[in-house]
Amino acid sequence: MARTKVFNEAEVLDRAMNLFWEKGYHATSAQDLVDGLGISRSSLYDTYGDKHSLFVMALKRYREERIDPVIQGVNSADDIEAYIRFIFEAVKEDALRRIPIKGLFHGQFGS
């Protein structure tokens, strides 16, 4: 009989995204995933498959949570120029507050 999952899959994907950003895909081991996600190795493999599958699912979640809303905003904006200005202003404000912007020009222009 299959056991009931006692973890939130979306939260685990969020933790996986952060772990892959921190360590990088190749440097993230299966043990890092078990430790960082707070789930057992069997739950990891039963739910997400292998490391590559988990990485792809985490990327899809990032797209759905962070990229798709921006694209939808551009597509529905009455004033696209103002909307794009709004997006750049938000990124600038985050940068000035030293809030890490994950996945955006990471490491390209120094730290």
N, C-alpha and C. Protein backbone atom coordinates (compact mmCIF):
# COMPACT_ATOMS: atom_id res chain seq x y z
N MET A 1 0.82 -1.17 0.00
CA MET A 1 0.00 0.00 0.00
C MET A 1 0.88 1.25 0.00
N ALA A 2 0.55 2.20 -0.86
CA ALA A 2 1.34 3.43 -0.97
C ALA A 2 1.12 4.32 0.24
N ARG A 3 2.19 4.98 0.66
CA ARG A 3 2.09 5.88 1.79
C ARG A 3 1.60 7.25 1.32
N THR A 4 0.90 7.95 2.19
CA THR A 4 0.43 9.29 1.89
C THR A 4 1.58 10.27 2.03
N LYS A 5 1.69 11.18 1.08
CA LYS A 5 2.74 12.19 1.14
C LYS A 5 2.43 13.16 2.27
N VAL A 6 3.46 13.50 3.02
CA VAL A 6 3.28 14.41 4.13
C VAL A 6 4.06 15.71 3.89
N PHE A 7 4.26 16.06 2.62
CA PHE A 7 4.96 17.30 2.30
C PHE A 7 4.24 17.99 1.15
N ASN A 8 4.45 19.29 1.07
CA ASN A 8 3.84 20.10 0.03
C ASN A 8 4.78 20.10 -1.17
N GLU A 9 4.34 19.54 -2.27
CA GLU A 9 5.20 19.40 -3.45
C GLU A 9 5.65 20.75 -4.00
N ALA A 10 4.78 21.75 -3.97
CA ALA A 10 5.15 23.08 -4.47
C ALA A 10 6.25 23.69 -3.60
N GLU A 11 6.14 23.53 -2.29
CA GLU A 11 7.18 24.05 -1.39
C GLU A 11 8.51 23.34 -1.62
N VAL A 12 8.45 22.05 -1.86
CA VAL A 12 9.67 21.29 -2.13
C VAL A 12 10.31 21.78 -3.43
N LEU A 13 9.49 22.05 -4.45
CA LEU A 13 10.04 22.58 -5.71
C LEU A 13 10.68 23.94 -5.49
N ASP A 14 10.08 24.77 -4.66
CA ASP A 14 10.68 26.07 -4.34
C ASP A 14 12.03 25.89 -3.66
N ARG A 15 12.11 24.96 -2.73
CA ARG A 15 13.39 24.69 -2.06
C ARG A 15 14.41 24.13 -3.05
N ALA A 16 13.95 23.30 -3.98
CA ALA A 16 14.85 22.76 -5.00
C ALA A 16 15.40 23.88 -5.87
N MET A 17 14.53 24.83 -6.29
CA MET A 17 15.00 25.97 -7.08
C MET A 17 16.12 26.69 -6.34
N ASN A 18 15.89 26.99 -5.07
CA ASN A 18 16.90 27.71 -4.29
C ASN A 18 18.19 26.92 -4.16
N LEU A 19 18.08 25.63 -3.95
CA LEU A 19 19.27 24.79 -3.82
C LEU A 19 20.06 24.75 -5.12
N PHE A 20 19.38 24.60 -6.24
CA PHE A 20 20.08 24.59 -7.53
C PHE A 20 20.74 25.94 -7.79
N TRP A 21 20.09 27.05 -7.40
CA TRP A 21 20.71 28.37 -7.56
C TRP A 21 21.94 28.51 -6.69
N GLU A 22 21.86 28.05 -5.46
CA GLU A 22 22.97 28.19 -4.53
C GLU A 22 24.19 27.37 -4.94
N LYS A 23 23.95 26.13 -5.30
CA LYS A 23 25.06 25.21 -5.56
C LYS A 23 25.35 24.99 -7.03
N GLY A 24 24.36 25.22 -7.87
CA GLY A 24 24.50 24.87 -9.29
C GLY A 24 24.02 23.45 -9.51
N TYR A 25 23.55 23.19 -10.70
CA TYR A 25 22.99 21.88 -11.01
C TYR A 25 23.99 20.76 -10.79
N HIS A 26 25.17 20.90 -11.38
CA HIS A 26 26.15 19.80 -11.32
C HIS A 26 26.71 19.58 -9.92
N ALA A 27 26.80 20.65 -9.12
CA ALA A 27 27.37 20.52 -7.78
C ALA A 27 26.34 20.05 -6.76
N THR A 28 25.07 19.99 -7.14
CA THR A 28 24.02 19.54 -6.22
C THR A 28 23.91 18.02 -6.27
N SER A 29 24.24 17.39 -5.17
CA SER A 29 24.20 15.92 -5.12
C SER A 29 22.82 15.45 -4.66
N ALA A 30 22.58 14.16 -4.82
CA ALA A 30 21.33 13.58 -4.33
C ALA A 30 21.21 13.78 -2.82
N GLN A 31 22.34 13.67 -2.10
CA GLN A 31 22.30 13.89 -0.65
C GLN A 31 21.98 15.34 -0.33
N ASP A 32 22.52 16.29 -1.13
CA ASP A 32 22.18 17.70 -0.94
C ASP A 32 20.67 17.90 -1.08
N LEU A 33 20.08 17.24 -2.06
CA LEU A 33 18.64 17.35 -2.28
C LEU A 33 17.85 16.79 -1.11
N VAL A 34 18.25 15.62 -0.64
CA VAL A 34 17.56 15.01 0.50
C VAL A 34 17.65 15.93 1.71
N ASP A 35 18.84 16.43 1.98
CA ASP A 35 19.05 17.30 3.15
C ASP A 35 18.33 18.64 2.97
N GLY A 36 18.45 19.24 1.80
CA GLY A 36 17.91 20.57 1.56
C GLY A 36 16.40 20.61 1.38
N LEU A 37 15.83 19.52 0.88
CA LEU A 37 14.39 19.49 0.63
C LEU A 37 13.61 18.97 1.83
N GLY A 38 14.31 18.30 2.74
CA GLY A 38 13.65 17.80 3.93
C GLY A 38 12.73 16.62 3.67
N ILE A 39 13.04 15.86 2.64
CA ILE A 39 12.25 14.65 2.34
C ILE A 39 13.20 13.47 2.22
N SER A 40 12.67 12.29 2.32
CA SER A 40 13.50 11.10 2.23
C SER A 40 13.93 10.86 0.79
N ARG A 41 14.97 10.09 0.64
CA ARG A 41 15.46 9.75 -0.70
C ARG A 41 14.38 9.03 -1.50
N SER A 42 13.63 8.13 -0.84
CA SER A 42 12.58 7.40 -1.56
C SER A 42 11.46 8.35 -1.99
N SER A 43 11.10 9.31 -1.14
CA SER A 43 10.08 10.29 -1.53
C SER A 43 10.57 11.15 -2.68
N LEU A 44 11.84 11.51 -2.65
CA LEU A 44 12.42 12.31 -3.72
C LEU A 44 12.28 11.59 -5.06
N TYR A 45 12.71 10.34 -5.10
CA TYR A 45 12.66 9.59 -6.35
C TYR A 45 11.24 9.19 -6.75
N ASP A 46 10.41 8.83 -5.76
CA ASP A 46 9.03 8.44 -6.07
C ASP A 46 8.22 9.62 -6.61
N THR A 47 8.47 10.82 -6.09
CA THR A 47 7.68 11.98 -6.47
C THR A 47 8.24 12.71 -7.68
N TYR A 48 9.56 12.87 -7.73
CA TYR A 48 10.16 13.72 -8.76
C TYR A 48 11.01 12.97 -9.77
N GLY A 49 11.24 11.70 -9.56
CA GLY A 49 12.11 10.96 -10.48
C GLY A 49 13.56 11.24 -10.15
N ASP A 50 14.36 11.48 -11.15
CA ASP A 50 15.78 11.73 -10.93
C ASP A 50 16.06 13.22 -10.78
N LYS A 51 17.34 13.55 -10.57
CA LYS A 51 17.74 14.94 -10.36
C LYS A 51 17.38 15.82 -11.55
N HIS A 52 17.59 15.32 -12.73
CA HIS A 52 17.27 16.11 -13.93
C HIS A 52 15.77 16.41 -14.01
N SER A 53 14.95 15.44 -13.73
CA SER A 53 13.50 15.65 -13.75
C SER A 53 13.07 16.68 -12.72
N LEU A 54 13.67 16.61 -11.53
CA LEU A 54 13.38 17.60 -10.49
C LEU A 54 13.80 18.99 -10.94
N PHE A 55 14.95 19.09 -11.57
CA PHE A 55 15.45 20.37 -12.06
C PHE A 55 14.49 20.97 -13.10
N VAL A 56 14.03 20.13 -14.03
CA VAL A 56 13.09 20.59 -15.05
C VAL A 56 11.78 21.04 -14.40
N MET A 57 11.29 20.29 -13.42
CA MET A 57 10.05 20.68 -12.72
C MET A 57 10.25 22.01 -11.98
N ALA A 58 11.41 22.19 -11.39
CA ALA A 58 11.70 23.45 -10.68
C ALA A 58 11.76 24.61 -11.67
N LEU A 59 12.34 24.39 -12.84
CA LEU A 59 12.38 25.44 -13.86
C LEU A 59 10.97 25.79 -14.34
N LYS A 60 10.14 24.78 -14.52
CA LYS A 60 8.75 25.02 -14.93
C LYS A 60 8.02 25.82 -13.87
N ARG A 61 8.24 25.48 -12.62
CA ARG A 61 7.59 26.23 -11.53
C ARG A 61 8.05 27.67 -11.53
N TYR A 62 9.34 27.89 -11.72
CA TYR A 62 9.87 29.26 -11.78
C TYR A 62 9.19 30.02 -12.92
N ARG A 63 9.08 29.40 -14.07
CA ARG A 63 8.44 30.05 -15.21
C ARG A 63 7.00 30.40 -14.89
N GLU A 64 6.28 29.46 -14.31
CA GLU A 64 4.86 29.69 -13.99
C GLU A 64 4.69 30.78 -12.94
N GLU A 65 5.58 30.82 -11.95
CA GLU A 65 5.43 31.77 -10.84
C GLU A 65 6.03 33.14 -11.13
N ARG A 66 7.11 33.19 -11.90
CA ARG A 66 7.84 34.45 -12.07
C ARG A 66 7.78 35.02 -13.48
N ILE A 67 7.87 34.17 -14.49
CA ILE A 67 7.96 34.66 -15.87
C ILE A 67 6.59 34.83 -16.50
N ASP A 68 5.73 33.84 -16.38
CA ASP A 68 4.40 33.91 -17.01
C ASP A 68 3.60 35.14 -16.58
N PRO A 69 3.59 35.51 -15.29
CA PRO A 69 2.83 36.71 -14.91
C PRO A 69 3.35 37.99 -15.59
N VAL A 70 4.66 38.08 -15.77
CA VAL A 70 5.23 39.25 -16.45
C VAL A 70 4.79 39.27 -17.91
N ILE A 71 4.86 38.12 -18.56
CA ILE A 71 4.44 38.04 -19.96
C ILE A 71 2.95 38.35 -20.09
N GLN A 72 2.16 37.82 -19.18
CA GLN A 72 0.72 38.11 -19.21
C GLN A 72 0.47 39.60 -19.00
N GLY A 73 1.27 40.22 -18.14
CA GLY A 73 1.14 41.66 -17.93
C GLY A 73 1.46 42.46 -19.17
N VAL A 74 2.51 42.05 -19.87
CA VAL A 74 2.86 42.72 -21.13
C VAL A 74 1.73 42.54 -22.14
N ASN A 75 1.21 41.34 -22.23
CA ASN A 75 0.16 41.06 -23.21
C ASN A 75 -1.14 41.79 -22.92
N SER A 76 -1.40 42.10 -21.64
CA SER A 76 -2.67 42.73 -21.30
C SER A 76 -2.54 44.22 -20.96
N ALA A 77 -1.33 44.75 -20.97
CA ALA A 77 -1.13 46.15 -20.59
C ALA A 77 -1.69 47.10 -21.64
N ASP A 78 -2.36 48.12 -21.16
CA ASP A 78 -2.83 49.17 -22.06
C ASP A 78 -1.67 50.02 -22.55
N ASP A 79 -0.69 50.23 -21.67
CA ASP A 79 0.49 51.02 -22.00
C ASP A 79 1.71 50.14 -21.76
N ILE A 80 2.17 49.47 -22.79
CA ILE A 80 3.28 48.51 -22.66
C ILE A 80 4.54 49.21 -22.18
N GLU A 81 4.81 50.39 -22.72
CA GLU A 81 6.01 51.11 -22.31
C GLU A 81 5.99 51.40 -20.80
N ALA A 82 4.86 51.82 -20.27
CA ALA A 82 4.74 52.08 -18.84
C ALA A 82 4.89 50.79 -18.03
N TYR A 83 4.35 49.70 -18.53
CA TYR A 83 4.46 48.42 -17.83
C TYR A 83 5.92 47.95 -17.77
N ILE A 84 6.61 48.07 -18.89
CA ILE A 84 8.02 47.67 -18.92
C ILE A 84 8.84 48.57 -18.00
N ARG A 85 8.53 49.86 -17.98
CA ARG A 85 9.20 50.78 -17.07
C ARG A 85 8.95 50.34 -15.61
N PHE A 86 7.71 49.93 -15.32
CA PHE A 86 7.36 49.43 -13.99
C PHE A 86 8.21 48.21 -13.62
N ILE A 87 8.36 47.27 -14.55
CA ILE A 87 9.16 46.06 -14.30
C ILE A 87 10.61 46.43 -14.00
N PHE A 88 11.19 47.30 -14.82
CA PHE A 88 12.58 47.70 -14.60
C PHE A 88 12.74 48.45 -13.28
N GLU A 89 11.77 49.25 -12.93
CA GLU A 89 11.81 49.99 -11.66
C GLU A 89 11.78 49.00 -10.49
N ALA A 90 10.95 47.97 -10.58
CA ALA A 90 10.87 46.96 -9.52
C ALA A 90 12.20 46.22 -9.38
N VAL A 91 12.82 45.88 -10.50
CA VAL A 91 14.12 45.20 -10.46
C VAL A 91 15.17 46.12 -9.84
N LYS A 92 15.15 47.39 -10.23
CA LYS A 92 16.10 48.36 -9.67
C LYS A 92 15.92 48.48 -8.16
N GLU A 93 14.67 48.60 -7.70
CA GLU A 93 14.41 48.72 -6.27
C GLU A 93 14.90 47.50 -5.50
N ASP A 94 14.68 46.32 -6.05
CA ASP A 94 15.17 45.10 -5.40
C ASP A 94 16.69 45.11 -5.33
N ALA A 95 17.33 45.57 -6.40
CA ALA A 95 18.79 45.61 -6.43
C ALA A 95 19.33 46.61 -5.40
N LEU A 96 18.68 47.75 -5.28
CA LEU A 96 19.11 48.76 -4.32
C LEU A 96 18.93 48.28 -2.88
N ARG A 97 17.94 47.44 -2.65
CA ARG A 97 17.72 46.87 -1.31
C ARG A 97 18.57 45.62 -1.11
N ARG A 98 19.35 45.28 -2.11
CA ARG A 98 20.23 44.10 -2.07
C ARG A 98 19.44 42.81 -1.95
N ILE A 99 18.24 42.78 -2.52
CA ILE A 99 17.46 41.56 -2.56
C ILE A 99 17.96 40.76 -3.76
N PRO A 100 18.42 39.54 -3.55
CA PRO A 100 18.93 38.75 -4.68
C PRO A 100 17.83 38.50 -5.71
N ILE A 101 18.16 38.75 -6.96
CA ILE A 101 17.24 38.49 -8.06
C ILE A 101 17.71 37.19 -8.71
N LYS A 102 17.02 36.14 -8.42
CA LYS A 102 17.45 34.84 -8.88
C LYS A 102 17.12 34.64 -10.34
N GLY A 103 18.11 34.17 -11.06
CA GLY A 103 17.89 33.82 -12.45
C GLY A 103 17.99 34.97 -13.42
N LEU A 104 18.30 36.17 -12.96
CA LEU A 104 18.37 37.32 -13.84
C LEU A 104 19.80 37.82 -13.88
N PHE A 105 20.50 37.56 -14.97
CA PHE A 105 21.88 38.02 -15.16
C PHE A 105 22.78 37.62 -14.01
N HIS A 106 22.48 36.47 -13.42
CA HIS A 106 23.20 36.02 -12.23
C HIS A 106 24.71 35.96 -12.50
N GLY A 107 25.46 36.81 -11.80
CA GLY A 107 26.91 36.79 -11.89
C GLY A 107 27.49 37.44 -13.12
N GLN A 108 26.69 37.96 -14.03
CA GLN A 108 27.20 38.52 -15.26
C GLN A 108 27.96 39.81 -15.05
N PHE A 109 27.56 40.62 -14.10
CA PHE A 109 28.12 41.95 -13.94
C PHE A 109 28.81 42.12 -12.60
N GLY A 110 29.29 41.05 -12.06
CA GLY A 110 29.96 41.12 -10.76
C GLY A 110 28.96 40.98 -9.63
N SER A 111 29.46 41.08 -8.40
CA SER A 111 28.55 40.90 -7.27
C SER A 111 28.22 42.21 -6.60
